[in-house]
Amino acid sequence: MPTEVQEETFTLEEVLAGLKEMHRLILWNDDHNTFEHVINCMIKYLDYTEPQAEKIAWKVHNEGKCAILEGSFTEMEVYRKILKQEGLTVSVE
């Protein structure tokens, strides 16, 4: 079954503003992802070690959210889309 991809567009001003400011990728707690899946995604896509990924999973579970990466808006959007495709609940701040 093919995966449906939704395209998002940004204005030039949004892209340029995103390059100048530091943004954070936030992972949110949800009721449908397992610890194992979250940990595997952190290792696979963000190059965290297993202990680091476990710490993130527990922080999200206990506090409801965790900043997992910092960078330009454009970079954070790329990772947000990847993790969203994996079913994780993520946002950029």
N, C-alpha and C. Protein backbone atom coordinates (compact mmCIF):
# COMPACT_ATOMS: atom_id res chain seq x y z
N MET A 1 0.85 -1.17 0.00
CA MET A 1 0.00 0.00 0.00
C MET A 1 0.90 1.24 0.00
N PRO A 2 0.75 2.14 -0.97
CA PRO A 2 1.62 3.31 -1.04
C PRO A 2 1.35 4.29 0.10
N THR A 3 2.41 4.94 0.55
CA THR A 3 2.30 5.95 1.60
C THR A 3 1.92 7.27 0.97
N GLU A 4 0.92 7.92 1.53
CA GLU A 4 0.48 9.22 1.02
C GLU A 4 1.36 10.32 1.59
N VAL A 5 1.88 11.18 0.72
CA VAL A 5 2.76 12.26 1.14
C VAL A 5 2.05 13.59 0.91
N GLN A 6 2.01 14.41 1.94
CA GLN A 6 1.39 15.72 1.83
C GLN A 6 2.48 16.77 1.66
N GLU A 7 2.39 17.54 0.61
CA GLU A 7 3.41 18.54 0.30
C GLU A 7 3.12 19.84 1.05
N GLU A 8 4.18 20.45 1.61
CA GLU A 8 4.05 21.73 2.29
C GLU A 8 4.90 22.75 1.54
N THR A 9 4.43 23.98 1.48
CA THR A 9 5.19 25.03 0.80
C THR A 9 5.47 26.17 1.77
N PHE A 10 6.57 26.88 1.53
CA PHE A 10 6.98 27.99 2.36
C PHE A 10 7.35 29.16 1.48
N THR A 11 7.15 30.38 1.98
CA THR A 11 7.56 31.57 1.24
C THR A 11 9.06 31.74 1.39
N LEU A 12 9.65 32.54 0.52
CA LEU A 12 11.08 32.82 0.60
C LEU A 12 11.42 33.45 1.95
N GLU A 13 10.56 34.34 2.44
CA GLU A 13 10.81 34.99 3.72
C GLU A 13 10.84 33.96 4.86
N GLU A 14 9.94 32.99 4.82
CA GLU A 14 9.92 31.95 5.85
C GLU A 14 11.19 31.11 5.81
N VAL A 15 11.64 30.78 4.62
CA VAL A 15 12.86 29.99 4.47
C VAL A 15 14.07 30.77 4.98
N LEU A 16 14.20 32.02 4.57
CA LEU A 16 15.34 32.83 5.00
C LEU A 16 15.33 33.08 6.50
N ALA A 17 14.15 33.32 7.07
CA ALA A 17 14.04 33.51 8.51
C ALA A 17 14.45 32.23 9.23
N GLY A 18 14.06 31.11 8.68
CA GLY A 18 14.39 29.83 9.27
C GLY A 18 15.87 29.53 9.26
N LEU A 19 16.60 30.07 8.32
CA LEU A 19 18.04 29.84 8.24
C LEU A 19 18.80 30.64 9.29
N LYS A 20 18.25 31.77 9.73
CA LYS A 20 18.93 32.65 10.66
C LYS A 20 18.71 32.26 12.12
N GLU A 21 17.53 31.79 12.43
CA GLU A 21 17.18 31.50 13.81
C GLU A 21 17.43 30.04 14.15
N MET A 22 17.70 29.79 15.41
CA MET A 22 17.81 28.41 15.89
C MET A 22 16.43 27.94 16.32
N HIS A 23 16.08 26.77 15.88
CA HIS A 23 14.80 26.17 16.23
C HIS A 23 15.06 24.82 16.88
N ARG A 24 14.05 24.36 17.61
CA ARG A 24 14.17 23.07 18.28
C ARG A 24 13.13 22.11 17.74
N LEU A 25 13.54 20.86 17.59
CA LEU A 25 12.63 19.79 17.21
C LEU A 25 12.15 19.15 18.51
N ILE A 26 10.84 19.15 18.71
CA ILE A 26 10.24 18.66 19.95
C ILE A 26 9.55 17.33 19.69
N LEU A 27 9.87 16.34 20.50
CA LEU A 27 9.19 15.04 20.46
C LEU A 27 8.16 15.03 21.58
N TRP A 28 6.92 14.72 21.24
CA TRP A 28 5.81 14.74 22.20
C TRP A 28 5.40 13.32 22.59
N ASN A 29 4.93 13.19 23.81
CA ASN A 29 4.40 11.92 24.27
C ASN A 29 3.08 11.64 23.55
N ASP A 30 2.84 10.39 23.24
CA ASP A 30 1.56 9.99 22.66
C ASP A 30 1.21 8.60 23.18
N ASP A 31 0.04 8.15 22.83
CA ASP A 31 -0.43 6.86 23.35
C ASP A 31 -0.25 5.71 22.36
N HIS A 32 0.41 5.96 21.23
CA HIS A 32 0.47 4.87 20.25
C HIS A 32 1.89 4.41 19.88
N ASN A 33 2.93 5.14 20.25
CA ASN A 33 4.29 4.70 19.94
C ASN A 33 4.91 4.00 21.14
N THR A 34 5.59 2.89 20.88
CA THR A 34 6.26 2.15 21.95
C THR A 34 7.61 2.78 22.25
N PHE A 35 8.12 2.47 23.42
CA PHE A 35 9.47 2.92 23.79
C PHE A 35 10.46 2.42 22.74
N GLU A 36 10.32 1.17 22.36
CA GLU A 36 11.24 0.56 21.40
C GLU A 36 11.25 1.32 20.07
N HIS A 37 10.07 1.70 19.58
CA HIS A 37 9.99 2.41 18.31
C HIS A 37 10.64 3.80 18.42
N VAL A 38 10.35 4.51 19.50
CA VAL A 38 10.94 5.83 19.71
C VAL A 38 12.47 5.71 19.78
N ILE A 39 12.95 4.77 20.54
CA ILE A 39 14.40 4.57 20.70
C ILE A 39 15.03 4.23 19.35
N ASN A 40 14.42 3.33 18.60
CA ASN A 40 14.96 2.95 17.30
C ASN A 40 15.01 4.14 16.34
N CYS A 41 13.99 4.99 16.35
CA CYS A 41 13.96 6.18 15.48
C CYS A 41 15.06 7.17 15.89
N MET A 42 15.27 7.36 17.19
CA MET A 42 16.30 8.28 17.65
C MET A 42 17.70 7.80 17.20
N ILE A 43 17.89 6.49 17.26
CA ILE A 43 19.18 5.91 16.85
C ILE A 43 19.34 5.98 15.33
N LYS A 44 18.31 5.57 14.61
CA LYS A 44 18.39 5.49 13.15
C LYS A 44 18.51 6.85 12.47
N TYR A 45 17.70 7.81 12.88
CA TYR A 45 17.63 9.09 12.16
C TYR A 45 18.46 10.21 12.78
N LEU A 46 18.67 10.16 14.09
CA LEU A 46 19.37 11.26 14.76
C LEU A 46 20.72 10.86 15.32
N ASP A 47 21.14 9.64 15.07
CA ASP A 47 22.47 9.17 15.48
C ASP A 47 22.71 9.17 16.99
N TYR A 48 21.66 9.05 17.78
CA TYR A 48 21.83 8.93 19.22
C TYR A 48 22.30 7.52 19.55
N THR A 49 23.03 7.40 20.64
CA THR A 49 23.39 6.08 21.14
C THR A 49 22.15 5.49 21.81
N GLU A 50 22.18 4.19 22.07
CA GLU A 50 21.04 3.57 22.73
C GLU A 50 20.76 4.18 24.10
N PRO A 51 21.77 4.39 24.96
CA PRO A 51 21.50 5.03 26.26
C PRO A 51 20.91 6.44 26.12
N GLN A 52 21.41 7.22 25.15
CA GLN A 52 20.86 8.57 24.93
C GLN A 52 19.40 8.48 24.48
N ALA A 53 19.12 7.56 23.57
CA ALA A 53 17.76 7.40 23.05
C ALA A 53 16.80 6.94 24.15
N GLU A 54 17.26 6.06 25.01
CA GLU A 54 16.44 5.60 26.14
C GLU A 54 16.13 6.76 27.08
N LYS A 55 17.12 7.60 27.34
CA LYS A 55 16.93 8.76 28.21
C LYS A 55 15.87 9.70 27.62
N ILE A 56 15.93 9.92 26.31
CA ILE A 56 14.93 10.76 25.63
C ILE A 56 13.55 10.14 25.77
N ALA A 57 13.43 8.84 25.52
CA ALA A 57 12.13 8.17 25.61
C ALA A 57 11.53 8.31 27.01
N TRP A 58 12.36 8.15 28.04
CA TRP A 58 11.86 8.28 29.40
C TRP A 58 11.47 9.72 29.72
N LYS A 59 12.26 10.69 29.22
CA LYS A 59 11.92 12.10 29.47
C LYS A 59 10.59 12.45 28.81
N VAL A 60 10.38 11.99 27.59
CA VAL A 60 9.11 12.24 26.90
C VAL A 60 7.97 11.59 27.67
N HIS A 61 8.18 10.38 28.13
CA HIS A 61 7.15 9.66 28.88
C HIS A 61 6.80 10.38 30.18
N ASN A 62 7.81 10.85 30.91
CA ASN A 62 7.59 11.46 32.22
C ASN A 62 7.20 12.93 32.17
N GLU A 63 7.74 13.68 31.19
CA GLU A 63 7.50 15.13 31.14
C GLU A 63 6.57 15.56 30.01
N GLY A 64 6.24 14.64 29.11
CA GLY A 64 5.30 14.96 28.04
C GLY A 64 5.95 15.42 26.75
N LYS A 65 7.20 15.88 26.83
CA LYS A 65 7.90 16.32 25.62
C LYS A 65 9.38 16.41 25.91
N CYS A 66 10.17 16.50 24.81
CA CYS A 66 11.62 16.64 24.95
C CYS A 66 12.16 17.27 23.67
N ALA A 67 13.04 18.27 23.83
CA ALA A 67 13.73 18.83 22.67
C ALA A 67 14.80 17.81 22.26
N ILE A 68 14.75 17.36 21.01
CA ILE A 68 15.65 16.30 20.59
C ILE A 68 16.72 16.76 19.60
N LEU A 69 16.58 17.99 19.06
CA LEU A 69 17.55 18.49 18.10
C LEU A 69 17.39 19.99 17.98
N GLU A 70 18.50 20.69 17.69
CA GLU A 70 18.48 22.13 17.46
C GLU A 70 19.16 22.43 16.15
N GLY A 71 18.64 23.45 15.44
CA GLY A 71 19.25 23.87 14.19
C GLY A 71 18.37 24.85 13.46
N SER A 72 18.63 25.02 12.18
CA SER A 72 17.83 25.94 11.38
C SER A 72 16.42 25.38 11.21
N PHE A 73 15.48 26.26 10.91
CA PHE A 73 14.10 25.83 10.68
C PHE A 73 14.04 24.80 9.57
N THR A 74 14.78 25.05 8.50
CA THR A 74 14.77 24.14 7.35
C THR A 74 15.25 22.75 7.75
N GLU A 75 16.34 22.70 8.49
CA GLU A 75 16.87 21.41 8.95
C GLU A 75 15.87 20.70 9.86
N MET A 76 15.27 21.45 10.79
CA MET A 76 14.31 20.85 11.72
C MET A 76 13.08 20.33 10.98
N GLU A 77 12.66 21.04 9.93
CA GLU A 77 11.52 20.60 9.13
C GLU A 77 11.80 19.28 8.43
N VAL A 78 13.02 19.11 7.96
CA VAL A 78 13.39 17.85 7.30
C VAL A 78 13.25 16.71 8.29
N TYR A 79 13.83 16.87 9.48
CA TYR A 79 13.74 15.81 10.49
C TYR A 79 12.32 15.63 11.00
N ARG A 80 11.56 16.72 11.12
CA ARG A 80 10.16 16.59 11.56
C ARG A 80 9.38 15.72 10.59
N LYS A 81 9.57 15.96 9.31
CA LYS A 81 8.84 15.18 8.30
C LYS A 81 9.25 13.71 8.32
N ILE A 82 10.53 13.45 8.49
CA ILE A 82 11.01 12.07 8.56
C ILE A 82 10.40 11.35 9.75
N LEU A 83 10.47 11.98 10.92
CA LEU A 83 9.95 11.34 12.13
C LEU A 83 8.43 11.23 12.10
N LYS A 84 7.77 12.20 11.49
CA LYS A 84 6.32 12.13 11.35
C LYS A 84 5.93 10.93 10.48
N GLN A 85 6.70 10.69 9.42
CA GLN A 85 6.45 9.52 8.56
C GLN A 85 6.59 8.22 9.35
N GLU A 86 7.40 8.25 10.40
CA GLU A 86 7.58 7.07 11.26
C GLU A 86 6.48 6.98 12.32
N GLY A 87 5.58 7.96 12.34
CA GLY A 87 4.46 7.93 13.27
C GLY A 87 4.69 8.68 14.57
N LEU A 88 5.85 9.32 14.71
CA LEU A 88 6.13 10.07 15.93
C LEU A 88 5.42 11.42 15.91
N THR A 89 5.10 11.93 17.08
CA THR A 89 4.47 13.24 17.21
C THR A 89 5.56 14.25 17.49
N VAL A 90 5.86 15.09 16.48
CA VAL A 90 6.95 16.05 16.57
C VAL A 90 6.51 17.42 16.07
N SER A 91 7.16 18.45 16.59
CA SER A 91 6.89 19.82 16.13
C SER A 91 8.18 20.62 16.18
N VAL A 92 8.16 21.76 15.52
CA VAL A 92 9.32 22.65 15.51
C VAL A 92 8.96 23.92 16.27
N GLU A 93 9.81 24.31 17.19
CA GLU A 93 9.62 25.54 17.97
C GLU A 93 10.77 26.48 17.70
